PDB file of N, CA and C in Angstrom:
ATOM      1  N   MET A   1      72.989 -47.139   7.115  1.00  0.00           N
ATOM      2  CA  MET A   1      72.973 -45.825   6.500  1.00  0.00           C
ATOM      3  C   MET A   1      73.746 -44.876   7.410  1.00  0.00           C
ATOM      4  N   SER A   2      74.706 -44.198   6.861  1.00  0.00           N
ATOM      5  CA  SER A   2      75.539 -43.306   7.657  1.00  0.00           C
ATOM      6  C   SER A   2      74.811 -41.998   7.936  1.00  0.00           C
ATOM      7  N   ALA A   3      75.338 -41.273   8.915  1.00  0.00           N
ATOM      8  CA  ALA A   3      74.750 -39.975   9.260  1.00  0.00           C
ATOM      9  C   ALA A   3      74.800 -39.040   8.059  1.00  0.00           C
ATOM     10  N   GLU A   4      75.861 -39.137   7.286  1.00  0.00           N
ATOM     11  CA  GLU A   4      76.006 -38.285   6.095  1.00  0.00           C
ATOM     12  C   GLU A   4      74.926 -38.618   5.062  1.00  0.00           C
ATOM     13  N   GLU A   5      74.658 -39.913   4.884  1.00  0.00           N
ATOM     14  CA  GLU A   5      73.607 -40.327   3.945  1.00  0.00           C
ATOM     15  C   GLU A   5      72.235 -39.886   4.432  1.00  0.00           C
ATOM     16  N   MET A   6      72.001 -39.989   5.774  1.00  0.00           N
ATOM     17  CA  MET A   6      70.722 -39.549   6.342  1.00  0.00           C
ATOM     18  C   MET A   6      70.522 -38.066   6.114  1.00  0.00           C
ATOM     19  N   THR A   7      71.564 -37.295   6.388  1.00  0.00           N
ATOM     20  CA  THR A   7      71.494 -35.845   6.202  1.00  0.00           C
ATOM     21  C   THR A   7      71.220 -35.523   4.746  1.00  0.00           C
ATOM     22  N   SER A   8      71.859 -36.252   3.859  1.00  0.00           N
ATOM     23  CA  SER A   8      71.648 -36.044   2.432  1.00  0.00           C
ATOM     24  C   SER A   8      70.214 -36.370   2.038  1.00  0.00           C
ATOM     25  N   SER A   9      69.670 -37.475   2.569  1.00  0.00           N
ATOM     26  CA  SER A   9      68.295 -37.872   2.269  1.00  0.00           C
ATOM     27  C   SER A   9      67.301 -36.841   2.783  1.00  0.00           C
ATOM     28  N   VAL A  10      67.502 -36.394   3.998  1.00  0.00           N
ATOM     29  CA  VAL A  10      66.621 -35.379   4.576  1.00  0.00           C
ATOM     30  C   VAL A  10      66.718 -34.091   3.753  1.00  0.00           C
ATOM     31  N   GLY A  11      67.908 -33.724   3.399  1.00  0.00           N
ATOM     32  CA  GLY A  11      68.102 -32.517   2.586  1.00  0.00           C
ATOM     33  C   GLY A  11      67.407 -32.630   1.248  1.00  0.00           C
ATOM     34  N   THR A  12      67.502 -33.790   0.641  1.00  0.00           N
ATOM     35  CA  THR A  12      66.841 -34.016  -0.652  1.00  0.00           C
ATOM     36  C   THR A  12      65.335 -33.881  -0.511  1.00  0.00           C
ATOM     37  N   ILE A  13      64.777 -34.452   0.527  1.00  0.00           N
ATOM     38  CA  ILE A  13      63.332 -34.373   0.747  1.00  0.00           C
ATOM     39  C   ILE A  13      62.913 -32.935   1.011  1.00  0.00           C
ATOM     40  N   GLU A  14      63.690 -32.208   1.798  1.00  0.00           N
ATOM     41  CA  GLU A  14      63.361 -30.807   2.068  1.00  0.00           C
ATOM     42  C   GLU A  14      63.436 -29.970   0.800  1.00  0.00           C
ATOM     43  N   VAL A  15      64.416 -30.239  -0.032  1.00  0.00           N
ATOM     44  CA  VAL A  15      64.538 -29.522  -1.303  1.00  0.00           C
ATOM     45  C   VAL A  15      63.315 -29.810  -2.173  1.00  0.00           C
ATOM     46  N   GLU A  16      62.878 -31.050  -2.197  1.00  0.00           N
ATOM     47  CA  GLU A  16      61.699 -31.424  -2.982  1.00  0.00           C
ATOM     48  C   GLU A  16      60.452 -30.708  -2.463  1.00  0.00           C
ATOM     49  N   ALA A  17      60.309 -30.643  -1.152  1.00  0.00           N
ATOM     50  CA  ALA A  17      59.160 -29.948  -0.564  1.00  0.00           C
ATOM     51  C   ALA A  17      59.188 -28.465  -0.937  1.00  0.00           C
ATOM     52  N   GLU A  18      60.346 -27.861  -0.866  1.00  0.00           N
ATOM     53  CA  GLU A  18      60.478 -26.447  -1.253  1.00  0.00           C
ATOM     54  C   GLU A  18      60.180 -26.256  -2.733  1.00  0.00           C
ATOM     55  N   ARG A  19      60.599 -27.203  -3.561  1.00  0.00           N
ATOM     56  CA  ARG A  19      60.331 -27.111  -5.001  1.00  0.00           C
ATOM     57  C   ARG A  19      58.825 -27.167  -5.266  1.00  0.00           C
ATOM     58  N   ILE A  20      58.145 -28.038  -4.553  1.00  0.00           N
ATOM     59  CA  ILE A  20      56.692 -28.161  -4.718  1.00  0.00           C
ATOM     60  C   ILE A  20      56.002 -26.864  -4.319  1.00  0.00           C
ATOM     61  N   LEU A  21      56.422 -26.289  -3.206  1.00  0.00           N
ATOM     62  CA  LEU A  21      55.840 -25.011  -2.776  1.00  0.00           C
ATOM     63  C   LEU A  21      56.129 -23.908  -3.793  1.00  0.00           C
ATOM     64  N   GLU A  22      57.333 -23.882  -4.319  1.00  0.00           N
ATOM     65  CA  GLU A  22      57.694 -22.857  -5.312  1.00  0.00           C
ATOM     66  C   GLU A  22      56.855 -23.030  -6.575  1.00  0.00           C
ATOM     67  N   GLU A  23      56.635 -24.266  -6.999  1.00  0.00           N
ATOM     68  CA  GLU A  23      55.786 -24.519  -8.162  1.00  0.00           C
ATOM     69  C   GLU A  23      54.371 -24.017  -7.908  1.00  0.00           C
ATOM     70  N   ALA A  24      53.865 -24.250  -6.701  1.00  0.00           N
ATOM     71  CA  ALA A  24      52.515 -23.788  -6.367  1.00  0.00           C
ATOM     72  C   ALA A  24      52.448 -22.262  -6.394  1.00  0.00           C
ATOM     73  N   ARG A  25      53.483 -21.628  -5.848  1.00  0.00           N
ATOM     74  CA  ARG A  25      53.520 -20.156  -5.879  1.00  0.00           C
ATOM     75  C   ARG A  25      53.563 -19.650  -7.319  1.00  0.00           C
ATOM     76  N   ASN A  26      54.393 -20.278  -8.135  1.00  0.00           N
ATOM     77  CA  ASN A  26      54.489 -19.869  -9.539  1.00  0.00           C
ATOM     78  C   ASN A  26      53.160 -20.051 -10.246  1.00  0.00           C
ATOM     79  N   ARG A  27      52.506 -21.185 -10.004  1.00  0.00           N
ATOM     80  CA  ARG A  27      51.212 -21.446 -10.640  1.00  0.00           C
ATOM     81  C   ARG A  27      50.175 -20.427 -10.165  1.00  0.00           C
ATOM     82  N   ALA A  28      50.198 -20.104  -8.871  1.00  0.00           N
ATOM     83  CA  ALA A  28      49.270 -19.107  -8.344  1.00  0.00           C
ATOM     84  C   ALA A  28      49.505 -17.760  -9.019  1.00  0.00           C
ATOM     85  N   ASN A  29      50.767 -17.404  -9.202  1.00  0.00           N
ATOM     86  CA  ASN A  29      51.085 -16.143  -9.878  1.00  0.00           C
ATOM     87  C   ASN A  29      50.617 -16.168 -11.329  1.00  0.00           C
ATOM     88  N   GLU A  30      50.784 -17.309 -11.999  1.00  0.00           N
ATOM     89  CA  GLU A  30      50.312 -17.433 -13.380  1.00  0.00           C
ATOM     90  C   GLU A  30      48.801 -17.231 -13.451  1.00  0.00           C
ATOM     91  N   ILE A  31      48.094 -17.821 -12.508  1.00  0.00           N
ATOM     92  CA  ILE A  31      46.640 -17.684 -12.480  1.00  0.00           C
ATOM     93  C   ILE A  31      46.255 -16.217 -12.288  1.00  0.00           C
ATOM     94  N   LEU A  32      46.933 -15.538 -11.384  1.00  0.00           N
ATOM     95  CA  LEU A  32      46.629 -14.128 -11.146  1.00  0.00           C
ATOM     96  C   LEU A  32      46.976 -13.269 -12.357  1.00  0.00           C
ATOM     97  N   VAL A  33      48.062 -13.573 -13.045  1.00  0.00           N
ATOM     98  CA  VAL A  33      48.423 -12.829 -14.260  1.00  0.00           C
ATOM     99  C   VAL A  33      47.347 -13.017 -15.319  1.00  0.00           C
ATOM    100  N   LYS A  34      46.905 -14.264 -15.496  1.00  0.00           N
ATOM    101  CA  LYS A  34      45.844 -14.523 -16.475  1.00  0.00           C
ATOM    102  C   LYS A  34      44.563 -13.789 -16.090  1.00  0.00           C
ATOM    103  N   ALA A  35      44.267 -13.774 -14.804  1.00  0.00           N
ATOM    104  CA  ALA A  35      43.073 -13.065 -14.341  1.00  0.00           C
ATOM    105  C   ALA A  35      43.191 -11.576 -14.654  1.00  0.00           C
ATOM    106  N   ASN A  36      44.365 -11.019 -14.424  1.00  0.00           N
ATOM    107  CA  ASN A  36      44.569  -9.590 -14.728  1.00  0.00           C
ATOM    108  C   ASN A  36      44.469  -9.324 -16.224  1.00  0.00           C
ATOM    109  N   GLU A  37      44.939 -10.253 -17.042  1.00  0.00           N
ATOM    110  CA  GLU A  37      44.803 -10.102 -18.493  1.00  0.00           C
ATOM    111  C   GLU A  37      43.329 -10.105 -18.890  1.00  0.00           C
ATOM    112  N   GLU A  38      42.569 -11.007 -18.280  1.00  0.00           N
ATOM    113  CA  GLU A  38      41.133 -11.055 -18.557  1.00  0.00           C
ATOM    114  C   GLU A  38      40.458  -9.755 -18.123  1.00  0.00           C
ATOM    115  N   VAL A  39      40.881  -9.245 -16.984  1.00  0.00           N
ATOM    116  CA  VAL A  39      40.324  -7.975 -16.497  1.00  0.00           C
ATOM    117  C   VAL A  39      40.618  -6.870 -17.505  1.00  0.00           C
ATOM    118  N   SER A  40      41.827  -6.827 -18.006  1.00  0.00           N
ATOM    119  CA  SER A  40      42.199  -5.810 -18.989  1.00  0.00           C
ATOM    120  C   SER A  40      41.350  -5.927 -20.249  1.00  0.00           C
ATOM    121  N   LYS A  41      41.150  -7.147 -20.715  1.00  0.00           N
ATOM    122  CA  LYS A  41      40.314  -7.361 -21.899  1.00  0.00           C
ATOM    123  C   LYS A  41      38.904  -6.824 -21.664  1.00  0.00           C
ATOM    124  N   ILE A  42      38.387  -7.138 -20.494  1.00  0.00           N
ATOM    125  CA  ILE A  42      37.027  -6.703 -20.176  1.00  0.00           C
ATOM    126  C   ILE A  42      36.962  -5.179 -20.073  1.00  0.00           C
ATOM    127  N   LEU A  43      37.957  -4.606 -19.451  1.00  0.00           N
ATOM    128  CA  LEU A  43      37.958  -3.147 -19.275  1.00  0.00           C
ATOM    129  C   LEU A  43      37.976  -2.412 -20.610  1.00  0.00           C
ATOM    130  N   PHE A  44      38.641  -2.971 -21.601  1.00  0.00           N
ATOM    131  CA  PHE A  44      38.746  -2.298 -22.889  1.00  0.00           C
ATOM    132  C   PHE A  44      37.602  -2.671 -23.839  1.00  0.00           C
ATOM    133  N   SER A  45      36.719  -3.533 -23.403  1.00  0.00           N
ATOM    134  CA  SER A  45      35.569  -3.876 -24.248  1.00  0.00           C
ATOM    135  C   SER A  45      34.470  -2.832 -24.062  1.00  0.00           C
ATOM    136  N   GLU A  46      33.430  -2.958 -24.833  1.00  0.00           N
ATOM    137  CA  GLU A  46      32.355  -1.977 -24.835  1.00  0.00           C
ATOM    138  C   GLU A  46      31.210  -2.365 -23.897  1.00  0.00           C
ATOM    139  N   LEU A  47      31.473  -3.039 -22.850  1.00  0.00           N
ATOM    140  CA  LEU A  47      30.432  -3.450 -21.908  1.00  0.00           C
ATOM    141  C   LEU A  47      30.106  -2.309 -20.948  1.00  0.00           C
ATOM    142  N   PRO A  48      28.890  -2.298 -20.423  1.00  0.00           N
ATOM    143  CA  PRO A  48      28.558  -1.300 -19.399  1.00  0.00           C
ATOM    144  C   PRO A  48      29.481  -1.480 -18.185  1.00  0.00           C
ATOM    145  N   MET A  49      29.847  -0.393 -17.562  1.00  0.00           N
ATOM    146  CA  MET A  49      30.833  -0.394 -16.476  1.00  0.00           C
ATOM    147  C   MET A  49      30.437  -1.298 -15.308  1.00  0.00           C
ATOM    148  N   ALA A  50      29.195  -1.348 -14.929  1.00  0.00           N
ATOM    149  CA  ALA A  50      28.759  -2.178 -13.802  1.00  0.00           C
ATOM    150  C   ALA A  50      29.015  -3.651 -14.094  1.00  0.00           C
ATOM    151  N   GLU A  51      28.728  -4.064 -15.338  1.00  0.00           N
ATOM    152  CA  GLU A  51      28.971  -5.452 -15.716  1.00  0.00           C
ATOM    153  C   GLU A  51      30.462  -5.758 -15.724  1.00  0.00           C
ATOM    154  N   VAL A  52      31.238  -4.805 -16.186  1.00  0.00           N
ATOM    155  CA  VAL A  52      32.692  -4.978 -16.235  1.00  0.00           C
ATOM    156  C   VAL A  52      33.244  -5.167 -14.831  1.00  0.00           C
ATOM    157  N   LYS A  53      32.853  -4.323 -13.923  1.00  0.00           N
ATOM    158  CA  LYS A  53      33.356  -4.416 -12.547  1.00  0.00           C
ATOM    159  C   LYS A  53      32.943  -5.743 -11.913  1.00  0.00           C
ATOM    160  N   ALA A  54      31.710  -6.141 -12.134  1.00  0.00           N
ATOM    161  CA  ALA A  54      31.239  -7.405 -11.563  1.00  0.00           C
ATOM    162  C   ALA A  54      32.029  -8.581 -12.136  1.00  0.00           C
ATOM    163  N   GLU A  55      32.252  -8.560 -13.439  1.00  0.00           N
ATOM    164  CA  GLU A  55      33.020  -9.642 -14.077  1.00  0.00           C
ATOM    165  C   GLU A  55      34.457  -9.649 -13.584  1.00  0.00           C
ATOM    166  N   CYS A  56      35.037  -8.472 -13.435  1.00  0.00           N
ATOM    167  CA  CYS A  56      36.414  -8.375 -12.920  1.00  0.00           C
ATOM    168  C   CYS A  56      36.519  -8.998 -11.534  1.00  0.00           C
ATOM    169  N   GLN A  57      35.608  -8.648 -10.681  1.00  0.00           N
ATOM    170  CA  GLN A  57      35.640  -9.175  -9.320  1.00  0.00           C
ATOM    171  C   GLN A  57      35.439 -10.695  -9.313  1.00  0.00           C
ATOM    172  N   LYS A  58      34.571 -11.177 -10.185  1.00  0.00           N
ATOM    173  CA  LYS A  58      34.326 -12.605 -10.274  1.00  0.00           C
ATOM    174  C   LYS A  58      35.587 -13.344 -10.728  1.00  0.00           C
ATOM    175  N   ILE A  59      36.259 -12.804 -11.728  1.00  0.00           N
ATOM    176  CA  ILE A  59      37.478 -13.439 -12.247  1.00  0.00           C
ATOM    177  C   ILE A  59      38.578 -13.422 -11.194  1.00  0.00           C
ATOM    178  N   ILE A  60      38.756 -12.298 -10.557  1.00  0.00           N
ATOM    179  CA  ILE A  60      39.800 -12.176  -9.526  1.00  0.00           C
ATOM    180  C   ILE A  60      39.505 -13.114  -8.364  1.00  0.00           C
ATOM    181  N   HIS A  61      38.255 -13.172  -7.951  1.00  0.00           N
ATOM    182  CA  HIS A  61      37.877 -14.054  -6.844  1.00  0.00           C
ATOM    183  C   HIS A  61      38.164 -15.515  -7.194  1.00  0.00           C
ATOM    184  N   LYS A  62      37.775 -15.913  -8.400  1.00  0.00           N
ATOM    185  CA  LYS A  62      38.011 -17.293  -8.830  1.00  0.00           C
ATOM    186  C   LYS A  62      39.509 -17.594  -8.894  1.00  0.00           C
ATOM    187  N   ALA A  63      40.281 -16.657  -9.430  1.00  0.00           N
ATOM    188  CA  ALA A  63      41.730 -16.855  -9.533  1.00  0.00           C
ATOM    189  C   ALA A  63      42.364 -16.991  -8.154  1.00  0.00           C
ATOM    190  N   ARG A  64      41.936 -16.165  -7.230  1.00  0.00           N
ATOM    191  CA  ARG A  64      42.490 -16.249  -5.866  1.00  0.00           C
ATOM    192  C   ARG A  64      42.124 -17.568  -5.206  1.00  0.00           C
ATOM    193  N   GLU A  65      40.888 -18.012  -5.403  1.00  0.00           N
ATOM    194  CA  GLU A  65      40.480 -19.296  -4.828  1.00  0.00           C
ATOM    195  C   GLU A  65      41.340 -20.430  -5.378  1.00  0.00           C
ATOM    196  N   GLU A  66      41.559 -20.430  -6.693  1.00  0.00           N
ATOM    197  CA  GLU A  66      42.384 -21.472  -7.311  1.00  0.00           C
ATOM    198  C   GLU A  66      43.818 -21.406  -6.797  1.00  0.00           C
ATOM    199  N   ALA A  67      44.347 -20.199  -6.722  1.00  0.00           N
ATOM    200  CA  ALA A  67      45.722 -20.036  -6.253  1.00  0.00           C
ATOM    201  C   ALA A  67      45.854 -20.487  -4.803  1.00  0.00           C
ATOM    202  N   ASP A  68      44.902 -20.080  -3.960  1.00  0.00           N
ATOM    203  CA  ASP A  68      44.940 -20.476  -2.549  1.00  0.00           C
ATOM    204  C   ASP A  68      44.845 -21.989  -2.398  1.00  0.00           C
ATOM    205  N   LYS A  69      44.005 -22.614  -3.209  1.00  0.00           N
ATOM    206  CA  LYS A  69      43.862 -24.067  -3.127  1.00  0.00           C
ATOM    207  C   LYS A  69      45.164 -24.762  -3.521  1.00  0.00           C
ATOM    208  N   LYS A  70      45.800 -24.290  -4.589  1.00  0.00           N
ATOM    209  CA  LYS A  70      47.056 -24.912  -5.026  1.00  0.00           C
ATOM    210  C   LYS A  70      48.143 -24.743  -3.963  1.00  0.00           C
ATOM    211  N   VAL A  71      48.218 -23.571  -3.370  1.00  0.00           N
ATOM    212  CA  VAL A  71      49.218 -23.342  -2.322  1.00  0.00           C
ATOM    213  C   VAL A  71      48.924 -24.233  -1.126  1.00  0.00           C
ATOM    214  N   GLU A  72      47.654 -24.330  -0.723  1.00  0.00           N
ATOM    215  CA  GLU A  72      47.301 -25.169   0.422  1.00  0.00           C
ATOM    216  C   GLU A  72      47.587 -26.641   0.131  1.00  0.00           C
ATOM    217  N   ASP A  73      47.265 -27.100  -1.078  1.00  0.00           N
ATOM    218  CA  ASP A  73      47.575 -28.478  -1.452  1.00  0.00           C
ATOM    219  C   ASP A  73      49.082 -28.737  -1.371  1.00  0.00           C
ATOM    220  N   SER A  74      49.861 -27.780  -1.826  1.00  0.00           N
ATOM    221  CA  SER A  74      51.316 -27.939  -1.788  1.00  0.00           C
ATOM    222  C   SER A  74      51.838 -27.924  -0.367  1.00  0.00           C
ATOM    223  N   ARG A  75      51.260 -27.079   0.469  1.00  0.00           N
ATOM    224  CA  ARG A  75      51.666 -27.067   1.884  1.00  0.00           C
ATOM    225  C   ARG A  75      51.359 -28.407   2.530  1.00  0.00           C
ATOM    226  N   GLN A  76      50.195 -28.951   2.223  1.00  0.00           N
ATOM    227  CA  GLN A  76      49.815 -30.254   2.775  1.00  0.00           C
ATOM    228  C   GLN A  76      50.806 -31.330   2.323  1.00  0.00           C
ATOM    229  N   LYS A  77      51.144 -31.308   1.043  1.00  0.00           N
ATOM    230  CA  LYS A  77      52.082 -32.308   0.523  1.00  0.00           C
ATOM    231  C   LYS A  77      53.452 -32.143   1.180  1.00  0.00           C
ATOM    232  N   ALA A  78      53.896 -30.900   1.335  1.00  0.00           N
ATOM    233  CA  ALA A  78      55.182 -30.656   1.989  1.00  0.00           C
ATOM    234  C   ALA A  78      55.147 -31.137   3.437  1.00  0.00           C
ATOM    235  N   SER A  79      54.019 -30.918   4.105  1.00  0.00           N
ATOM    236  CA  SER A  79      53.873 -31.364   5.490  1.00  0.00           C
ATOM    237  C   SER A  79      53.943 -32.895   5.579  1.00  0.00           C
ATOM    238  N   GLU A  80      53.297 -33.556   4.627  1.00  0.00           N
ATOM    239  CA  GLU A  80      53.347 -35.022   4.600  1.00  0.00           C
ATOM    240  C   GLU A  80      54.766 -35.515   4.364  1.00  0.00           C
ATOM    241  N   ILE A  81      55.487 -34.848   3.488  1.00  0.00           N
ATOM    242  CA  ILE A  81      56.876 -35.229   3.215  1.00  0.00           C
ATOM    243  C   ILE A  81      57.718 -35.061   4.470  1.00  0.00           C
ATOM    244  N   LYS A  82      57.528 -33.943   5.171  1.00  0.00           N
ATOM    245  CA  LYS A  82      58.307 -33.705   6.393  1.00  0.00           C
ATOM    246  C   LYS A  82      57.970 -34.732   7.468  1.00  0.00           C
ATOM    247  N   ALA A  83      56.696 -35.114   7.578  1.00  0.00           N
ATOM    248  CA  ALA A  83      56.308 -36.140   8.556  1.00  0.00           C
ATOM    249  C   ALA A  83      56.950 -37.474   8.200  1.00  0.00           C
ATOM    250  N   GLU A  84      56.982 -37.763   6.910  1.00  0.00           N
ATOM    251  CA  GLU A  84      57.604 -39.002   6.446  1.00  0.00           C
ATOM    252  C   GLU A  84      59.098 -39.009   6.782  1.00  0.00           C
ATOM    253  N   VAL A  85      59.732 -37.865   6.634  1.00  0.00           N
ATOM    254  CA  VAL A  85      61.154 -37.748   6.971  1.00  0.00           C
ATOM    255  C   VAL A  85      61.347 -38.032   8.457  1.00  0.00           C
ATOM    256  N   GLY A  86      60.467 -37.473   9.291  1.00  0.00           N
ATOM    257  CA  GLY A  86      60.563 -37.711  10.738  1.00  0.00           C
ATOM    258  C   GLY A  86      60.450 -39.188  11.072  1.00  0.00           C
ATOM    259  N   ASN A  87      59.506 -39.864  10.436  1.00  0.00           N
ATOM    260  CA  ASN A  87      59.327 -41.301  10.676  1.00  0.00           C
ATOM    261  C   ASN A  87      60.560 -42.086  10.238  1.00  0.00           C
ATOM    262  N   LYS A  88      61.095 -41.730   9.083  1.00  0.00           N
ATOM    263  CA  LYS A  88      62.285 -42.425   8.593  1.00  0.00           C
ATOM    264  C   LYS A  88      63.473 -42.181   9.521  1.00  0.00           C
ATOM    265  N   MET A  89      63.598 -40.960  10.003  1.00  0.00           N
ATOM    266  CA  MET A  89      64.709 -40.640  10.911  1.00  0.00           C
ATOM    267  C   MET A  89      64.578 -41.445  12.205  1.00  0.00           C
ATOM    268  N   ASP A  90      63.344 -41.593  12.711  1.00  0.00           N
ATOM    269  CA  ASP A  90      63.128 -42.397  13.918  1.00  0.00           C
ATOM    270  C   ASP A  90      63.565 -43.845  13.696  1.00  0.00           C
ATOM    271  N   LYS A  91      63.197 -44.403  12.549  1.00  0.00           N
ATOM    272  CA  LYS A  91      63.574 -45.779  12.246  1.00  0.00           C
ATOM    273  C   LYS A  91      65.086 -45.930  12.091  1.00  0.00           C
ATOM    274  N   ILE A  92      65.698 -44.954  11.440  1.00  0.00           N
ATOM    275  CA  ILE A  92      67.152 -44.990  11.255  1.00  0.00           C
ATOM    276  C   ILE A  92      67.855 -44.891  12.605  1.00  0.00           C
ATOM    277  N   THR A  93      67.369 -43.991  13.452  1.00  0.00           N
ATOM    278  CA  THR A  93      67.952 -43.827  14.781  1.00  0.00           C
ATOM    279  C   THR A  93      67.822 -45.119  15.576  1.00  0.00           C
ATOM    280  N   GLU A  94      66.658 -45.754  15.481  1.00  0.00           N
ATOM    281  CA  GLU A  94      66.447 -47.017  16.182  1.00  0.00           C
ATOM    282  C   GLU A  94      67.427 -48.083  15.694  1.00  0.00           C
ATOM    283  N   ARG A  95      67.646 -48.163  14.400  1.00  0.00           N
ATOM    284  CA  ARG A  95      68.591 -49.147  13.855  1.00  0.00           C
ATOM    285  C   ARG A  95      70.018 -48.865  14.328  1.00  0.00           C
ATOM    286  N   ILE A  96      70.373 -47.604  14.356  1.00  0.00           N
ATOM    287  CA  ILE A  96      71.723 -47.240  14.807  1.00  0.00           C
ATOM    288  C   ILE A  96      71.915 -47.649  16.268  1.00  0.00           C
ATOM    289  N   VAL A  97      70.910 -47.326  17.098  1.00  0.00           N
ATOM    290  CA  VAL A  97      70.999 -47.695  18.519  1.00  0.00           C
ATOM    291  C   VAL A  97      71.080 -49.210  18.668  1.00  0.00           C
ATOM    292  N   ASN A  98      70.268 -49.928  17.904  1.00  0.00           N
ATOM    293  CA  ASN A  98      70.308 -51.392  17.959  1.00  0.00           C
ATOM    294  C   ASN A  98      71.672 -51.919  17.543  1.00  0.00           C
ATOM    295  N   ASN A  99      72.252 -51.353  16.505  1.00  0.00           N
ATOM    296  CA  ASN A  99      73.567 -51.794  16.048  1.00  0.00           C
ATOM    297  C   ASN A  99      74.638 -51.518  17.085  1.00  0.00           C
ATOM    298  N   ILE A 100      74.552 -50.371  17.726  1.00  0.00           N
ATOM    299  CA  ILE A 100      75.573 -49.996  18.723  1.00  0.00           C
ATOM    300  C   ILE A 100      75.432 -50.809  20.002  1.00  0.00           C
ATOM    301  N   THR A 101      74.182 -50.921  20.488  1.00  0.00           N
ATOM    302  CA  THR A 101      73.970 -51.577  21.786  1.00  0.00           C
ATOM    303  C   THR A 101      73.712 -53.067  21.664  1.00  0.00           C
ATOM    304  N   GLY A 102      73.316 -53.502  20.474  1.00  0.00           N
ATOM    305  CA  GLY A 102      72.966 -54.906  20.316  1.00  0.00           C
ATOM    306  C   GLY A 102      71.602 -55.205  20.907  1.00  0.00           C
ATOM    307  N   ALA A 103      70.875 -54.178  21.322  1.00  0.00           N
ATOM    308  CA  ALA A 103      69.565 -54.347  21.931  1.00  0.00           C
ATOM    309  C   ALA A 103      68.486 -53.943  20.938  1.00  0.00           C
ATOM    310  N   LYS A 104      67.296 -54.383  21.205  1.00  0.00           N
ATOM    311  CA  LYS A 104      66.150 -53.969  20.395  1.00  0.00           C
ATOM    312  C   LYS A 104      65.311 -53.005  21.223  1.00  0.00           C
ATOM    313  N   LEU A 105      64.876 -51.939  20.567  1.00  0.00           N
ATOM    314  CA  LEU A 105      64.013 -50.979  21.238  1.00  0.00           C
ATOM    315  C   LEU A 105      62.568 -51.401  21.048  1.00  0.00           C
ATOM    316  N   GLY A 106      61.736 -51.068  22.066  1.00  0.00           N
ATOM    317  CA  GLY A 106      60.320 -51.397  22.108  1.00  0.00           C
ATOM    318  C   GLY A 106      59.667 -51.369  20.830  1.00  0.00           C
TER     319      GLY A 106
END
């Protein structure tokens, strides 16, 4: 595998990790938008104000928890992808050194 192919592979993996994070951010934003829509519905209903405020806070809290979890899951997945890239790069480097020197590394 040439250096150009390695760079391309690493770049592809990094792009995928960024895409996953962007999807998580988008999903988190969607959840928050839906939560705000629910809040608006509740605010315009005929419920007593104390109940409305409590329900609003509950919905917002739940939406934030879901959004935070999705972002954290995506960060974890991106971290795993980056670790995998590091391992692959180590193996590729070892093969290159072996090919050049004719020696085997530990």
